[in-house]
Amino acid sequence: MAPTNPRCGWVNLKNPLYLRYHDEEWGVPCHDETRLFEMLNLEGAQAGLSWETVLNKRENYRVAFDCWDAKKIARYDADKVAELMANAGIIRNRLKIAATINNAKAYLQLCKEVGGLDAFLWAYVEGRPLQGNWFNGNPSPAKTPLSDQISKDLLKRGFKFVGSTIIYAYLQGVGLIDDHTTECFRHHAAGK
């Protein structure tokens, strides 16, 4: 059965995972630390690939990276890296795997300093999601001054694979920015 609600033009309507992600998750404010950490790393894993590729491997990532337990990930050693490099269920890129381990360490430090990603990120938008006003013929930008600043601040804190374009996609994914297009049935609904 074909979906009846109009959606953002980037959604692959034939992929149920993509539909569910768009309809229930993308642009919805997230305050869950584990999911914020997961999505930061998945957006980094996407670099050079499509989000659909990463989304289709998301469950494999959850298993491979201990349900995104940062304390466990921070202790990964060479044997665990070798295991991950052999795991066909994830993107087997040594730099991206190393970045995830590094990010777990940086994240734990961030938790000590400011309480975690929730407190760190939402302070940039004063606790309220930003609402985009884009349409399918004029999509949202790839980055903004906000994503530039957050990227810069995360890089200073030692995070990897957190360039401005990656961070803008991350902010959309975890609902700090609701960029559902004006034609989409989720426009103005996700941030509520």
Protein backbone atom coordinates (compact mmCIF):
# COMPACT_ATOMS: atom_id res chain seq x y z
CA MET A 1 0.00 0.00 0.00
CA ALA A 2 1.45 3.36 -1.02
CA PRO A 3 1.74 6.07 1.64
CA THR A 4 -0.97 8.72 1.35
CA ASN A 5 0.62 11.55 3.31
CA PRO A 6 2.87 13.96 1.40
CA ARG A 7 6.47 13.76 2.63
CA CYS A 8 9.79 15.50 2.17
CA GLY A 9 11.16 14.82 -1.31
CA TRP A 10 14.30 13.02 -0.05
CA VAL A 11 12.39 10.08 1.45
CA ASN A 12 12.58 6.74 -0.35
CA LEU A 13 8.92 5.78 -0.16
CA LYS A 14 9.75 2.15 -0.97
CA ASN A 15 11.90 1.65 2.14
CA PRO A 16 9.80 1.05 5.30
CA LEU A 17 12.79 1.90 7.53
CA TYR A 18 13.17 5.23 5.78
CA LEU A 19 9.46 6.01 6.03
CA ARG A 20 9.42 5.21 9.75
CA TYR A 21 12.59 7.28 10.31
CA HIS A 22 11.10 10.26 8.46
CA ASP A 23 7.65 9.99 10.03
CA GLU A 24 8.57 9.22 13.63
CA GLU A 25 12.13 10.36 14.28
CA TRP A 26 13.62 12.96 11.91
CA GLY A 27 12.99 16.47 13.23
CA VAL A 28 11.52 15.23 16.53
CA PRO A 29 13.29 16.74 19.57
CA CYS A 30 15.50 14.15 21.21
CA HIS A 31 16.82 14.36 24.76
CA ASP A 32 17.92 10.73 25.11
CA GLU A 33 21.68 10.61 25.67
CA THR A 34 22.18 7.18 24.12
CA ARG A 35 20.32 8.13 20.97
CA LEU A 36 22.12 11.48 20.74
CA PHE A 37 25.45 9.65 20.95
CA GLU A 38 24.32 6.99 18.47
CA MET A 39 23.12 9.51 15.92
CA LEU A 40 26.29 11.60 16.18
CA ASN A 41 28.33 8.55 15.25
CA LEU A 42 25.93 7.31 12.58
CA GLU A 43 25.96 10.72 10.89
CA GLY A 44 29.76 10.52 10.91
CA ALA A 45 29.59 7.02 9.43
CA GLN A 46 27.47 8.44 6.63
CA ALA A 47 30.28 10.71 5.37
CA GLY A 48 30.66 10.02 1.65
CA LEU A 49 27.64 7.69 1.63
CA SER A 50 23.87 7.99 1.69
CA TRP A 51 21.87 8.16 4.89
CA GLU A 52 19.79 5.25 3.61
CA THR A 53 22.91 3.05 3.54
CA VAL A 54 23.59 3.83 7.21
CA LEU A 55 19.94 3.58 8.22
CA ASN A 56 19.70 0.11 6.69
CA LYS A 57 22.68 -0.95 8.86
CA ARG A 58 21.53 0.80 12.04
CA GLU A 59 20.48 -2.32 13.93
CA ASN A 60 23.79 -4.00 13.02
CA TYR A 61 25.59 -0.95 14.42
CA ARG A 62 23.66 -1.19 17.67
CA VAL A 63 24.78 -4.78 18.13
CA ALA A 64 28.35 -4.20 16.97
CA PHE A 65 28.81 -1.13 19.20
CA ASP A 66 27.29 -2.56 22.40
CA CYS A 67 23.99 -0.63 22.12
CA TRP A 68 26.03 2.59 21.99
CA ASP A 69 27.38 2.19 25.52
CA ALA A 70 30.07 4.90 25.45
CA LYS A 71 31.92 3.47 28.46
CA LYS A 72 32.35 0.13 26.69
CA ILE A 73 33.22 1.71 23.35
CA ALA A 74 35.90 3.91 24.97
CA ARG A 75 37.68 0.71 26.07
CA TYR A 76 37.72 -0.98 22.66
CA ASP A 77 41.13 -2.41 21.83
CA ALA A 78 42.87 -3.66 18.68
CA ASP A 79 41.06 -7.02 18.86
CA LYS A 80 37.68 -5.29 18.95
CA VAL A 81 38.68 -3.02 16.05
CA ALA A 82 39.67 -6.13 14.05
CA GLU A 83 36.28 -7.67 14.87
CA LEU A 84 34.50 -4.53 13.69
CA MET A 85 36.57 -4.40 10.51
CA ALA A 86 35.42 -7.95 9.75
CA ASN A 87 31.74 -7.15 10.41
CA ALA A 88 29.94 -6.92 7.05
CA GLY A 89 26.86 -5.53 8.83
CA ILE A 90 28.49 -2.13 9.36
CA ILE A 91 30.56 0.23 7.25
CA ARG A 92 34.05 -1.19 7.57
CA ASN A 93 36.09 1.96 7.47
CA ARG A 94 39.03 2.02 9.89
CA LEU A 95 38.97 5.81 10.25
CA LYS A 96 35.25 5.86 11.04
CA ILE A 97 35.58 3.03 13.55
CA ALA A 98 38.53 4.80 15.22
CA ALA A 99 36.49 8.02 15.27
CA THR A 100 33.64 6.26 17.09
CA ILE A 101 36.03 5.00 19.77
CA ASN A 102 37.57 8.46 20.03
CA ASN A 103 34.11 10.03 20.18
CA ALA A 104 33.15 7.76 23.07
CA LYS A 105 36.11 9.12 25.05
CA ALA A 106 35.30 12.72 24.10
CA TYR A 107 31.65 12.12 24.97
CA LEU A 108 32.49 10.80 28.43
CA GLN A 109 34.58 13.91 29.04
CA LEU A 110 31.71 16.09 27.80
CA CYS A 111 29.39 14.33 30.26
CA LYS A 112 31.76 15.20 33.11
CA GLU A 113 32.04 18.83 32.03
CA VAL A 114 28.50 19.79 30.97
CA GLY A 115 26.28 16.78 31.64
CA GLY A 116 26.17 15.29 28.15
CA LEU A 117 25.07 15.97 24.60
CA ASP A 118 21.54 16.91 25.64
CA ALA A 119 22.69 19.84 27.77
CA PHE A 120 25.47 20.76 25.34
CA LEU A 121 23.33 20.82 22.19
CA TRP A 122 20.06 22.24 23.42
CA ALA A 123 21.84 25.23 25.00
CA TYR A 124 22.60 26.43 21.45
CA VAL A 125 18.88 26.78 20.68
CA GLU A 126 17.74 27.82 24.17
CA GLY A 127 15.92 24.51 24.58
CA ARG A 128 13.57 25.06 21.64
CA PRO A 129 13.85 23.47 18.19
CA LEU A 130 14.38 25.77 15.23
CA GLN A 131 11.70 25.56 12.54
CA GLY A 132 12.78 25.56 8.91
CA ASN A 133 10.53 26.86 6.17
CA TRP A 134 11.73 24.99 3.10
CA PHE A 135 9.89 23.41 0.23
CA ASN A 136 10.86 20.55 -2.07
CA GLY A 137 11.97 22.93 -4.82
CA ASN A 138 14.07 24.90 -2.31
CA PRO A 139 15.49 22.38 0.19
CA SER A 140 17.28 23.20 3.42
CA PRO A 141 20.96 24.19 3.30
CA ALA A 142 23.80 21.72 3.81
CA LYS A 143 25.18 23.77 6.71
CA THR A 144 24.52 26.97 8.63
CA PRO A 145 26.34 29.26 11.06
CA LEU A 146 24.80 27.17 13.89
CA SER A 147 26.21 23.90 12.50
CA ASP A 148 29.53 25.69 11.89
CA GLN A 149 29.70 26.72 15.55
CA ILE A 150 28.66 23.36 17.00
CA SER A 151 31.11 21.58 14.67
CA LYS A 152 33.91 23.89 15.78
CA ASP A 153 33.07 23.37 19.45
CA LEU A 154 32.89 19.58 19.11
CA LEU A 155 36.21 19.52 17.24
CA LYS A 156 37.80 21.53 20.07
CA ARG A 157 36.50 18.89 22.47
CA GLY A 158 38.21 16.17 20.45
CA PHE A 159 35.30 14.71 18.49
CA LYS A 160 35.95 13.35 14.97
CA PHE A 161 33.79 13.23 11.83
CA VAL A 162 31.82 16.24 13.04
CA GLY A 163 32.22 18.69 10.16
CA SER A 164 29.56 21.34 9.69
CA THR A 165 27.61 19.42 7.02
CA ILE A 166 27.56 16.29 9.18
CA ILE A 167 26.45 18.35 12.17
CA TYR A 168 23.64 20.05 10.25
CA ALA A 169 22.27 16.64 9.25
CA TYR A 170 22.67 15.53 12.88
CA LEU A 171 20.76 18.55 14.19
CA GLN A 172 17.94 17.73 11.77
CA GLY A 173 17.97 14.06 12.74
CA VAL A 174 17.73 14.70 16.48
CA GLY A 175 15.21 17.50 16.21
CA LEU A 176 17.14 20.62 17.14
CA ILE A 177 16.12 21.74 13.68
CA ASP A 178 12.79 20.74 12.14
CA ASP A 179 13.36 21.01 8.41
CA HIS A 180 10.37 19.05 7.18
CA THR A 181 9.36 20.79 3.96
CA THR A 182 6.21 22.89 3.85
CA GLU A 183 4.52 20.25 1.67
CA CYS A 184 5.26 17.49 4.20
CA PHE A 185 2.57 16.33 6.60
CA ARG A 186 5.19 16.52 9.39
CA HIS A 187 5.95 20.25 8.81
CA HIS A 188 5.44 22.04 12.15
CA ALA A 189 4.36 18.74 13.74
CA ALA A 190 7.70 17.12 14.54
CA GLY A 191 8.95 19.77 16.94
CA LYS A 192 5.84 19.60 19.11
